Amino acid sequence: MDTYYILNDVLDNALLHLYLSVAETERFTPKARRNEILVRYLKPMIKDKRYQQVKKELKSLVALGRVASCDLELKLIEFNELPQRYDLQATKAKQLFDLLTRIETELSLPTRFLNVVDNGVKLPNTIYMLQEHIENGFTVAGEQVASVSLFLESEHVISLFNFINVDGSFIAEMSQHNIDAKQGHILLHPKKQQKEGSF
């Protein structure tokens, strides 16, 4: 079975498991408890041979669920919607998705879309992206055709910049960096594929 369909099934089943578990109690289930339920459901799948093709994705989701600031339920909903909207099976779009997951897991910097509803109020230590950059920055086939902006208000702007360049999925360019205000604007450019026969 195709990796896309396996992962889609896992996400659907994980959310269904969460909602059925939450429905068993009349009390409010906080985010930390919801994360715990999802992690407990997903963790055994890592060693299950039926899910070998999505082992890496499962490990990332379990790691995210252990980050206190992460809302794993929301992530699963977003992950489930993204393939339908952006065909995440394709190269660069999927690589961006994977990169943001690694950043959140390793640097504890979650990603959100800039939202008009937020009235321009941005949370510190949160990466913000423009939704139109995702919609217009990738072709239907998932190839990157325009740079993607990451906005961050944090003392970790340089750490994020270095992490992206070391990761190697994209080329990071520091478009703006205000050290005093701890604000950074990083542009993600597609990494050019080396042509065959070139050195």
N, C-alpha and C. Protein backbone atom coordinates (compact mmCIF):
# COMPACT_ATOMS: atom_id res chain seq x y z
N MET A 1 0.84 -1.19 0.00
CA MET A 1 0.00 0.00 0.00
C MET A 1 0.88 1.25 0.00
N ASP A 2 0.44 2.31 -0.65
CA ASP A 2 1.18 3.55 -0.76
C ASP A 2 1.34 4.20 0.62
N THR A 3 2.53 4.79 0.86
CA THR A 3 2.84 5.45 2.13
C THR A 3 1.78 6.49 2.51
N TYR A 4 1.33 7.24 1.50
CA TYR A 4 0.32 8.29 1.73
C TYR A 4 -0.93 7.71 2.38
N TYR A 5 -1.42 6.59 1.84
CA TYR A 5 -2.66 6.00 2.35
C TYR A 5 -2.46 5.39 3.73
N ILE A 6 -1.29 4.79 3.97
CA ILE A 6 -1.00 4.22 5.29
C ILE A 6 -1.02 5.33 6.34
N LEU A 7 -0.28 6.42 6.07
CA LEU A 7 -0.20 7.53 7.02
C LEU A 7 -1.58 8.16 7.23
N ASN A 8 -2.33 8.30 6.15
CA ASN A 8 -3.68 8.88 6.25
C ASN A 8 -4.56 8.04 7.17
N ASP A 9 -4.48 6.72 7.01
CA ASP A 9 -5.25 5.79 7.86
C ASP A 9 -4.83 5.91 9.32
N VAL A 10 -3.51 6.00 9.55
CA VAL A 10 -2.99 6.11 10.92
C VAL A 10 -3.52 7.38 11.57
N LEU A 11 -3.47 8.49 10.85
CA LEU A 11 -3.93 9.78 11.40
C LEU A 11 -5.42 9.73 11.71
N ASP A 12 -6.20 9.19 10.77
CA ASP A 12 -7.65 9.07 10.98
C ASP A 12 -7.95 8.22 12.21
N ASN A 13 -7.28 7.06 12.30
CA ASN A 13 -7.53 6.13 13.41
C ASN A 13 -7.07 6.70 14.75
N ALA A 14 -5.95 7.44 14.73
CA ALA A 14 -5.45 8.06 15.96
C ALA A 14 -6.44 9.09 16.50
N LEU A 15 -6.97 9.90 15.59
CA LEU A 15 -7.95 10.92 16.00
C LEU A 15 -9.24 10.26 16.51
N LEU A 16 -9.66 9.21 15.82
CA LEU A 16 -10.86 8.48 16.23
C LEU A 16 -10.65 7.88 17.63
N HIS A 17 -9.48 7.29 17.85
CA HIS A 17 -9.14 6.72 19.15
C HIS A 17 -9.20 7.80 20.24
N LEU A 18 -8.63 8.98 19.93
CA LEU A 18 -8.63 10.08 20.89
C LEU A 18 -10.05 10.49 21.25
N TYR A 19 -10.88 10.69 20.23
CA TYR A 19 -12.25 11.18 20.48
C TYR A 19 -13.09 10.15 21.23
N LEU A 20 -12.88 8.88 20.96
CA LEU A 20 -13.61 7.84 21.69
C LEU A 20 -13.13 7.77 23.15
N SER A 21 -11.84 7.94 23.35
CA SER A 21 -11.27 7.93 24.71
C SER A 21 -11.79 9.11 25.53
N VAL A 22 -11.82 10.28 24.88
CA VAL A 22 -12.29 11.51 25.55
C VAL A 22 -13.77 11.40 25.86
N ALA A 23 -14.53 10.75 24.98
CA ALA A 23 -15.98 10.61 25.16
C ALA A 23 -16.34 9.74 26.36
N GLU A 24 -15.38 8.91 26.82
CA GLU A 24 -15.63 8.02 27.95
C GLU A 24 -15.70 8.76 29.28
N THR A 25 -15.16 9.97 29.32
CA THR A 25 -15.17 10.75 30.55
C THR A 25 -15.99 12.02 30.36
N GLU A 26 -16.69 12.42 31.41
CA GLU A 26 -17.50 13.64 31.32
C GLU A 26 -16.66 14.88 31.64
N ARG A 27 -15.49 14.63 32.23
CA ARG A 27 -14.62 15.76 32.59
C ARG A 27 -13.86 16.28 31.37
N PHE A 28 -13.45 17.54 31.46
CA PHE A 28 -12.65 18.16 30.40
C PHE A 28 -11.30 17.45 30.30
N THR A 29 -10.86 17.16 29.08
CA THR A 29 -9.57 16.50 28.87
C THR A 29 -8.56 17.53 28.36
N PRO A 30 -7.60 17.93 29.20
CA PRO A 30 -6.63 18.97 28.79
C PRO A 30 -5.69 18.48 27.70
N LYS A 31 -5.00 19.44 27.10
CA LYS A 31 -4.09 19.15 25.98
C LYS A 31 -3.03 18.11 26.35
N ALA A 32 -2.43 18.23 27.54
CA ALA A 32 -1.38 17.30 27.95
C ALA A 32 -1.91 15.86 27.99
N ARG A 33 -3.12 15.69 28.50
CA ARG A 33 -3.72 14.35 28.58
C ARG A 33 -4.06 13.83 27.18
N ARG A 34 -4.53 14.74 26.30
CA ARG A 34 -4.87 14.35 24.93
C ARG A 34 -3.59 13.90 24.20
N ASN A 35 -2.50 14.64 24.42
CA ASN A 35 -1.21 14.26 23.83
C ASN A 35 -0.80 12.88 24.31
N GLU A 36 -0.97 12.64 25.62
CA GLU A 36 -0.60 11.36 26.23
C GLU A 36 -1.38 10.20 25.60
N ILE A 37 -2.68 10.41 25.38
CA ILE A 37 -3.54 9.38 24.76
C ILE A 37 -3.04 9.06 23.35
N LEU A 38 -2.72 10.11 22.59
CA LEU A 38 -2.26 9.92 21.21
C LEU A 38 -0.90 9.24 21.16
N VAL A 39 0.02 9.67 22.04
CA VAL A 39 1.36 9.07 22.07
C VAL A 39 1.26 7.59 22.41
N ARG A 40 0.42 7.25 23.40
CA ARG A 40 0.25 5.86 23.81
C ARG A 40 -0.33 5.01 22.67
N TYR A 41 -1.16 5.63 21.85
CA TYR A 41 -1.75 4.92 20.70
C TYR A 41 -0.74 4.74 19.57
N LEU A 42 0.04 5.79 19.30
CA LEU A 42 0.96 5.78 18.15
C LEU A 42 2.26 5.01 18.42
N LYS A 43 2.75 5.05 19.65
CA LYS A 43 4.07 4.48 19.96
C LYS A 43 4.23 3.01 19.56
N PRO A 44 3.26 2.11 19.86
CA PRO A 44 3.44 0.70 19.47
C PRO A 44 3.54 0.49 17.96
N MET A 45 3.01 1.41 17.19
CA MET A 45 3.04 1.28 15.72
C MET A 45 4.45 1.39 15.16
N ILE A 46 5.34 2.06 15.91
CA ILE A 46 6.71 2.26 15.44
C ILE A 46 7.40 0.92 15.21
N LYS A 47 7.11 -0.06 16.10
CA LYS A 47 7.75 -1.38 15.98
C LYS A 47 6.89 -2.38 15.20
N ASP A 48 5.70 -1.96 14.80
CA ASP A 48 4.79 -2.83 14.06
C ASP A 48 5.20 -2.85 12.58
N LYS A 49 5.47 -4.04 12.05
CA LYS A 49 5.94 -4.17 10.66
C LYS A 49 4.93 -3.66 9.64
N ARG A 50 3.65 -3.65 10.01
CA ARG A 50 2.63 -3.16 9.08
C ARG A 50 2.80 -1.68 8.78
N TYR A 51 3.48 -0.96 9.70
CA TYR A 51 3.64 0.49 9.55
C TYR A 51 5.10 0.86 9.27
N GLN A 52 5.88 -0.10 8.77
CA GLN A 52 7.29 0.12 8.48
C GLN A 52 7.53 1.31 7.56
N GLN A 53 6.64 1.47 6.55
CA GLN A 53 6.81 2.55 5.57
C GLN A 53 6.66 3.94 6.17
N VAL A 54 5.94 4.04 7.29
CA VAL A 54 5.72 5.36 7.91
C VAL A 54 6.38 5.44 9.29
N LYS A 55 7.37 4.60 9.53
CA LYS A 55 8.05 4.55 10.83
C LYS A 55 8.64 5.92 11.20
N LYS A 56 9.29 6.57 10.24
CA LYS A 56 9.92 7.86 10.50
C LYS A 56 8.89 8.91 10.91
N GLU A 57 7.76 8.92 10.19
CA GLU A 57 6.68 9.87 10.50
C GLU A 57 6.09 9.60 11.88
N LEU A 58 5.92 8.31 12.21
CA LEU A 58 5.37 7.94 13.52
C LEU A 58 6.31 8.39 14.64
N LYS A 59 7.62 8.20 14.44
CA LYS A 59 8.60 8.63 15.45
C LYS A 59 8.52 10.14 15.67
N SER A 60 8.38 10.89 14.57
CA SER A 60 8.28 12.35 14.66
C SER A 60 7.03 12.77 15.43
N LEU A 61 5.90 12.09 15.15
CA LEU A 61 4.65 12.42 15.83
C LEU A 61 4.73 12.11 17.32
N VAL A 62 5.32 10.99 17.68
CA VAL A 62 5.48 10.63 19.09
C VAL A 62 6.39 11.63 19.79
N ALA A 63 7.48 12.04 19.12
CA ALA A 63 8.39 13.03 19.70
C ALA A 63 7.67 14.36 19.91
N LEU A 64 6.84 14.76 18.94
CA LEU A 64 6.08 16.00 19.06
C LEU A 64 5.11 15.93 20.24
N GLY A 65 4.48 14.77 20.41
CA GLY A 65 3.51 14.60 21.49
C GLY A 65 4.12 14.74 22.86
N ARG A 66 5.44 14.59 22.95
CA ARG A 66 6.13 14.72 24.24
C ARG A 66 6.64 16.14 24.49
N VAL A 67 6.47 17.02 23.51
CA VAL A 67 6.85 18.43 23.69
C VAL A 67 5.67 19.13 24.37
N ALA A 68 5.92 19.69 25.55
CA ALA A 68 4.84 20.27 26.37
C ALA A 68 4.02 21.30 25.63
N SER A 69 4.67 22.11 24.78
CA SER A 69 3.95 23.20 24.10
C SER A 69 3.16 22.72 22.88
N CYS A 70 3.36 21.47 22.47
CA CYS A 70 2.73 20.97 21.25
C CYS A 70 1.30 20.51 21.48
N ASP A 71 0.43 20.84 20.54
CA ASP A 71 -0.94 20.33 20.53
C ASP A 71 -0.99 19.25 19.45
N LEU A 72 -0.75 18.00 19.85
CA LEU A 72 -0.62 16.91 18.88
C LEU A 72 -1.92 16.67 18.12
N GLU A 73 -3.04 16.84 18.79
CA GLU A 73 -4.34 16.67 18.12
C GLU A 73 -4.45 17.64 16.95
N LEU A 74 -4.12 18.89 17.20
CA LEU A 74 -4.18 19.91 16.15
C LEU A 74 -3.21 19.57 15.02
N LYS A 75 -2.02 19.08 15.38
CA LYS A 75 -1.03 18.70 14.37
C LYS A 75 -1.57 17.58 13.48
N LEU A 76 -2.22 16.58 14.08
CA LEU A 76 -2.75 15.47 13.30
C LEU A 76 -3.84 15.94 12.34
N ILE A 77 -4.65 16.87 12.81
CA ILE A 77 -5.72 17.43 11.96
C ILE A 77 -5.08 18.18 10.78
N GLU A 78 -4.05 19.00 11.10
CA GLU A 78 -3.36 19.77 10.04
C GLU A 78 -2.67 18.82 9.07
N PHE A 79 -1.98 17.79 9.60
CA PHE A 79 -1.26 16.83 8.75
C PHE A 79 -2.24 16.12 7.82
N ASN A 80 -3.42 15.84 8.35
CA ASN A 80 -4.44 15.14 7.58
C ASN A 80 -4.99 16.01 6.46
N GLU A 81 -5.07 17.31 6.71
CA GLU A 81 -5.61 18.23 5.70
C GLU A 81 -4.57 18.59 4.64
N LEU A 82 -3.30 18.70 5.05
CA LEU A 82 -2.26 19.14 4.13
C LEU A 82 -2.11 18.28 2.88
N PRO A 83 -2.11 16.94 3.00
CA PRO A 83 -1.95 16.15 1.76
C PRO A 83 -3.05 16.42 0.76
N GLN A 84 -4.27 16.63 1.25
CA GLN A 84 -5.38 16.88 0.34
C GLN A 84 -5.20 18.22 -0.36
N ARG A 85 -4.63 19.20 0.35
CA ARG A 85 -4.53 20.54 -0.22
C ARG A 85 -3.25 20.76 -1.02
N TYR A 86 -2.15 20.15 -0.58
CA TYR A 86 -0.87 20.46 -1.20
C TYR A 86 -0.13 19.26 -1.79
N ASP A 87 -0.79 18.07 -1.78
CA ASP A 87 -0.15 16.85 -2.28
C ASP A 87 1.23 16.67 -1.66
N LEU A 88 1.25 16.39 -0.38
CA LEU A 88 2.49 16.30 0.38
C LEU A 88 3.40 15.15 -0.04
N GLN A 89 2.88 14.26 -0.88
CA GLN A 89 3.74 13.17 -1.33
C GLN A 89 4.87 13.69 -2.22
N ALA A 90 4.68 14.86 -2.77
CA ALA A 90 5.67 15.42 -3.68
C ALA A 90 6.86 15.97 -2.89
N THR A 91 7.96 16.11 -3.58
CA THR A 91 9.25 16.35 -2.96
C THR A 91 9.34 17.56 -2.02
N LYS A 92 9.41 18.77 -2.54
CA LYS A 92 9.72 19.94 -1.72
C LYS A 92 8.63 20.27 -0.71
N ALA A 93 7.37 20.11 -1.07
CA ALA A 93 6.29 20.38 -0.12
C ALA A 93 6.39 19.44 1.07
N LYS A 94 6.67 18.18 0.80
CA LYS A 94 6.81 17.20 1.89
C LYS A 94 8.06 17.49 2.70
N GLN A 95 9.13 17.91 2.03
CA GLN A 95 10.37 18.22 2.75
C GLN A 95 10.17 19.40 3.71
N LEU A 96 9.38 20.39 3.28
CA LEU A 96 9.10 21.54 4.15
C LEU A 96 8.33 21.08 5.38
N PHE A 97 7.33 20.27 5.15
CA PHE A 97 6.50 19.70 6.20
C PHE A 97 7.39 18.94 7.21
N ASP A 98 8.29 18.10 6.70
CA ASP A 98 9.20 17.32 7.56
C ASP A 98 10.17 18.23 8.32
N LEU A 99 10.69 19.26 7.63
CA LEU A 99 11.62 20.20 8.26
C LEU A 99 10.95 20.91 9.44
N LEU A 100 9.72 21.40 9.24
CA LEU A 100 9.01 22.10 10.32
C LEU A 100 8.74 21.18 11.50
N THR A 101 8.51 19.91 11.21
CA THR A 101 8.30 18.92 12.28
C THR A 101 9.59 18.75 13.08
N ARG A 102 10.74 18.64 12.38
CA ARG A 102 12.03 18.48 13.06
C ARG A 102 12.36 19.73 13.89
N ILE A 103 12.06 20.91 13.35
CA ILE A 103 12.32 22.16 14.08
C ILE A 103 11.52 22.20 15.38
N GLU A 104 10.25 21.82 15.29
CA GLU A 104 9.42 21.84 16.50
C GLU A 104 9.91 20.83 17.52
N THR A 105 10.31 19.65 17.05
CA THR A 105 10.79 18.60 17.96
C THR A 105 12.12 18.97 18.60
N GLU A 106 13.05 19.46 17.80
CA GLU A 106 14.42 19.68 18.30
C GLU A 106 14.67 21.07 18.87
N LEU A 107 13.99 22.09 18.34
CA LEU A 107 14.21 23.45 18.82
C LEU A 107 13.03 23.99 19.64
N SER A 108 11.95 23.19 19.73
CA SER A 108 10.73 23.61 20.46
C SER A 108 10.17 24.92 19.91
N LEU A 109 10.20 25.06 18.58
CA LEU A 109 9.64 26.24 17.92
C LEU A 109 8.48 25.78 17.03
N PRO A 110 7.24 25.91 17.51
CA PRO A 110 6.09 25.50 16.70
C PRO A 110 5.87 26.46 15.54
N THR A 111 5.11 26.03 14.55
CA THR A 111 4.82 26.84 13.37
C THR A 111 3.32 27.12 13.28
N ARG A 112 2.99 28.35 12.94
CA ARG A 112 1.59 28.73 12.75
C ARG A 112 1.49 29.62 11.51
N PHE A 113 0.29 29.67 10.93
CA PHE A 113 0.05 30.62 9.85
C PHE A 113 -0.30 31.97 10.47
N LEU A 114 0.19 33.06 9.84
CA LEU A 114 -0.23 34.40 10.26
C LEU A 114 -1.72 34.51 9.98
N ASN A 115 -2.48 34.89 10.97
CA ASN A 115 -3.93 34.90 10.85
C ASN A 115 -4.47 36.30 11.11
N VAL A 116 -5.40 36.73 10.27
CA VAL A 116 -6.03 38.05 10.42
C VAL A 116 -6.76 38.11 11.77
N VAL A 117 -7.30 36.97 12.20
CA VAL A 117 -8.04 36.91 13.46
C VAL A 117 -7.16 37.27 14.65
N ASP A 118 -5.85 36.99 14.53
CA ASP A 118 -4.92 37.29 15.63
C ASP A 118 -4.63 38.77 15.78
N ASN A 119 -5.16 39.60 14.86
CA ASN A 119 -4.94 41.06 14.89
C ASN A 119 -3.46 41.44 14.90
N GLY A 120 -2.67 40.64 14.21
CA GLY A 120 -1.24 40.96 14.11
C GLY A 120 -0.44 40.62 15.36
N VAL A 121 -1.09 40.07 16.39
CA VAL A 121 -0.39 39.69 17.62
C VAL A 121 0.33 38.37 17.40
N LYS A 122 1.65 38.39 17.58
CA LYS A 122 2.45 37.19 17.36
C LYS A 122 3.03 36.69 18.68
N LEU A 123 2.96 35.38 18.87
CA LEU A 123 3.53 34.77 20.07
C LEU A 123 5.04 34.67 19.93
N PRO A 124 5.79 34.90 21.02
CA PRO A 124 7.25 34.71 20.93
C PRO A 124 7.56 33.23 20.78
N ASN A 125 8.75 32.95 20.25
CA ASN A 125 9.22 31.57 20.06
C ASN A 125 8.25 30.72 19.23
N THR A 126 7.60 31.38 18.29
CA THR A 126 6.69 30.70 17.37
C THR A 126 7.02 31.16 15.95
N ILE A 127 7.20 30.21 15.05
CA ILE A 127 7.49 30.54 13.65
C ILE A 127 6.16 30.83 12.96
N TYR A 128 6.11 31.94 12.25
CA TYR A 128 4.90 32.29 11.50
C TYR A 128 5.19 32.22 10.00
N MET A 129 4.20 31.72 9.27
CA MET A 129 4.30 31.61 7.82
C MET A 129 3.07 32.25 7.20
N LEU A 130 3.20 32.66 5.95
CA LEU A 130 2.06 33.18 5.20
C LEU A 130 1.44 32.04 4.42
N GLN A 131 0.15 31.85 4.59
CA GLN A 131 -0.53 30.73 3.93
C GLN A 131 -0.41 30.83 2.41
N GLU A 132 -0.46 32.07 1.89
CA GLU A 132 -0.36 32.23 0.43
C GLU A 132 1.00 31.80 -0.11
N HIS A 133 2.04 31.86 0.76
CA HIS A 133 3.37 31.40 0.33
C HIS A 133 3.37 29.90 0.09
N ILE A 134 2.60 29.18 0.90
CA ILE A 134 2.49 27.73 0.72
C ILE A 134 1.63 27.43 -0.50
N GLU A 135 0.52 28.15 -0.61
CA GLU A 135 -0.41 27.90 -1.71
C GLU A 135 0.19 28.25 -3.06
N ASN A 136 1.01 29.32 -3.09
CA ASN A 136 1.57 29.77 -4.36
C ASN A 136 3.04 29.39 -4.55
N GLY A 137 3.68 28.91 -3.48
CA GLY A 137 5.11 28.61 -3.56
C GLY A 137 5.44 27.23 -4.09
N PHE A 138 4.40 26.37 -4.20
CA PHE A 138 4.62 25.01 -4.66
C PHE A 138 3.65 24.67 -5.78
N THR A 139 4.13 23.92 -6.74
CA THR A 139 3.26 23.46 -7.83
C THR A 139 2.39 22.33 -7.30
N VAL A 140 1.41 21.91 -8.08
CA VAL A 140 0.56 20.78 -7.71
C VAL A 140 1.41 19.54 -7.50
N ALA A 141 2.50 19.44 -8.26
CA ALA A 141 3.41 18.30 -8.14
C ALA A 141 4.33 18.42 -6.92
N GLY A 142 4.23 19.55 -6.19
CA GLY A 142 4.99 19.72 -4.97
C GLY A 142 6.36 20.34 -5.12
N GLU A 143 6.72 20.80 -6.31
CA GLU A 143 8.01 21.45 -6.51
C GLU A 143 7.94 22.91 -6.07
N GLN A 144 9.00 23.38 -5.43
CA GLN A 144 9.03 24.76 -4.95
C GLN A 144 9.36 25.71 -6.09
N VAL A 145 8.50 26.72 -6.27
CA VAL A 145 8.71 27.69 -7.36
C VAL A 145 8.92 29.11 -6.83
N ALA A 146 8.80 29.30 -5.52
CA ALA A 146 9.02 30.61 -4.91
C ALA A 146 9.54 30.43 -3.50
N SER A 147 10.24 31.44 -3.00
CA SER A 147 10.78 31.36 -1.64
C SER A 147 9.64 31.40 -0.62
N VAL A 148 9.88 30.77 0.51
CA VAL A 148 8.90 30.74 1.60
C VAL A 148 9.47 31.53 2.77
N SER A 149 8.67 32.43 3.34
CA SER A 149 9.10 33.26 4.46
C SER A 149 8.77 32.62 5.80
N LEU A 150 9.74 32.68 6.71
CA LEU A 150 9.53 32.29 8.09
C LEU A 150 9.79 33.53 8.95
N PHE A 151 8.84 33.88 9.80
CA PHE A 151 9.00 35.02 10.70
C PHE A 151 9.09 34.50 12.13
N LEU A 152 10.07 34.99 12.89
CA LEU A 152 10.27 34.50 14.24
C LEU A 152 10.69 35.65 15.16
N GLU A 153 10.02 35.74 16.31
CA GLU A 153 10.41 36.68 17.36
C GLU A 153 10.96 35.86 18.51
N SER A 154 12.28 35.79 18.60
CA SER A 154 12.92 34.91 19.58
C SER A 154 14.41 35.19 19.61
N GLU A 155 15.04 34.78 20.70
CA GLU A 155 16.50 34.87 20.76
C GLU A 155 17.14 33.72 19.99
N HIS A 156 16.28 32.83 19.44
CA HIS A 156 16.79 31.65 18.72
C HIS A 156 16.76 31.82 17.20
N VAL A 157 16.71 33.05 16.72
CA VAL A 157 16.65 33.30 15.27
C VAL A 157 17.87 32.68 14.57
N ILE A 158 19.06 32.94 15.12
CA ILE A 158 20.30 32.41 14.51
C ILE A 158 20.34 30.89 14.60
N SER A 159 19.87 30.34 15.73
CA SER A 159 19.83 28.88 15.90
C SER A 159 18.94 28.25 14.83
N LEU A 160 17.79 28.89 14.57
CA LEU A 160 16.88 28.39 13.54
C LEU A 160 17.53 28.46 12.17
N PHE A 161 18.16 29.60 11.87
CA PHE A 161 18.85 29.80 10.59
C PHE A 161 19.91 28.72 10.37
N ASN A 162 20.73 28.49 11.40
CA ASN A 162 21.80 27.49 11.30
C ASN A 162 21.23 26.08 11.18
N PHE A 163 20.16 25.79 11.93
CA PHE A 163 19.54 24.47 11.90
C PHE A 163 19.07 24.13 10.49
N ILE A 164 18.43 25.10 9.83
CA ILE A 164 17.90 24.87 8.48
C ILE A 164 19.04 24.59 7.51
N ASN A 165 20.10 25.38 7.59
CA ASN A 165 21.21 25.19 6.65
C ASN A 165 21.97 23.89 6.90
N VAL A 166 22.09 23.48 8.17
CA VAL A 166 22.74 22.21 8.49
C VAL A 166 21.85 21.06 8.03
N ASP A 167 20.53 21.20 8.21
CA ASP A 167 19.58 20.17 7.80
C ASP A 167 19.71 19.89 6.30
N GLY A 168 19.87 20.95 5.50
CA GLY A 168 20.16 20.79 4.08
C GLY A 168 18.99 20.58 3.14
N SER A 169 17.75 20.54 3.67
CA SER A 169 16.58 20.37 2.80
C SER A 169 16.34 21.63 1.96
N PHE A 170 16.67 22.79 2.55
CA PHE A 170 16.47 24.08 1.90
C PHE A 170 17.68 24.95 2.17
N ILE A 171 17.79 26.03 1.42
CA ILE A 171 18.83 27.03 1.67
C ILE A 171 18.16 28.18 2.39
N ALA A 172 18.66 28.51 3.58
CA ALA A 172 18.09 29.61 4.37
C ALA A 172 18.85 30.90 4.08
N GLU A 173 18.09 31.97 3.87
CA GLU A 173 18.68 33.30 3.69
C GLU A 173 18.10 34.22 4.75
N MET A 174 18.97 34.91 5.50
CA MET A 174 18.50 35.85 6.52
C MET A 174 18.13 37.15 5.81
N SER A 175 16.83 37.34 5.62
CA SER A 175 16.36 38.53 4.92
C SER A 175 16.44 39.76 5.83
N GLN A 176 16.02 39.58 7.07
CA GLN A 176 16.10 40.67 8.06
C GLN A 176 16.37 40.07 9.42
N HIS A 177 17.18 40.77 10.23
CA HIS A 177 17.43 40.32 11.60
C HIS A 177 17.64 41.53 12.49
N ASN A 178 16.69 41.75 13.40
CA ASN A 178 16.80 42.83 14.37
C ASN A 178 17.21 42.21 15.69
N ILE A 179 18.49 42.35 16.02
CA ILE A 179 19.03 41.71 17.23
C ILE A 179 18.38 42.26 18.48
N ASP A 180 18.18 43.59 18.54
CA ASP A 180 17.59 44.20 19.74
C ASP A 180 16.16 43.74 19.97
N ALA A 181 15.37 43.69 18.89
CA ALA A 181 13.96 43.28 19.01
C ALA A 181 13.82 41.75 18.97
N LYS A 182 14.93 41.06 18.74
CA LYS A 182 14.93 39.59 18.63
C LYS A 182 13.92 39.13 17.57
N GLN A 183 13.97 39.76 16.41
CA GLN A 183 13.06 39.42 15.31
C GLN A 183 13.86 39.02 14.08
N GLY A 184 13.38 38.00 13.41
CA GLY A 184 14.06 37.55 12.20
C GLY A 184 13.08 37.18 11.11
N HIS A 185 13.51 37.42 9.87
CA HIS A 185 12.74 37.01 8.69
C HIS A 185 13.68 36.16 7.85
N ILE A 186 13.38 34.88 7.77
CA ILE A 186 14.23 33.94 7.03
C ILE A 186 13.50 33.49 5.77
N LEU A 187 14.21 33.51 4.65
CA LEU A 187 13.65 33.02 3.39
C LEU A 187 14.18 31.62 3.12
N LEU A 188 13.27 30.72 2.77
CA LEU A 188 13.67 29.36 2.40
C LEU A 188 13.68 29.24 0.89
N HIS A 189 14.85 28.95 0.33
CA HIS A 189 14.98 28.76 -1.12
C HIS A 189 15.14 27.28 -1.42
N PRO A 190 14.66 26.85 -2.58
CA PRO A 190 14.85 25.43 -2.94
C PRO A 190 16.33 25.14 -3.14
N LYS A 191 16.73 23.98 -2.68
CA LYS A 191 18.11 23.56 -2.89
C LYS A 191 18.20 23.03 -4.31
N LYS A 192 19.10 23.59 -5.10
CA LYS A 192 19.22 23.18 -6.50
C LYS A 192 19.75 21.75 -6.58
N GLN A 193 19.09 20.97 -7.43
CA GLN A 193 19.53 19.59 -7.65
C GLN A 193 20.80 19.59 -8.49
N GLN A 194 21.76 18.78 -8.09
CA GLN A 194 23.00 18.68 -8.85
C GLN A 194 22.75 17.87 -10.12
N LYS A 195 23.17 18.42 -11.24
CA LYS A 195 22.95 17.71 -12.52
C LYS A 195 23.87 16.50 -12.61
N GLU A 196 23.39 15.47 -13.29
CA GLU A 196 24.19 14.27 -13.47
C GLU A 196 25.46 14.60 -14.24
N GLY A 197 26.55 14.06 -13.75
CA GLY A 197 27.82 14.28 -14.44
C GLY A 197 28.56 15.51 -13.95
N SER A 198 27.87 16.35 -13.08
CA SER A 198 28.54 17.54 -12.57
C SER A 198 29.19 17.22 -11.22
N PHE A 199 30.17 18.04 -10.85
CA PHE A 199 30.89 17.80 -9.60
C PHE A 199 30.71 18.98 -8.67
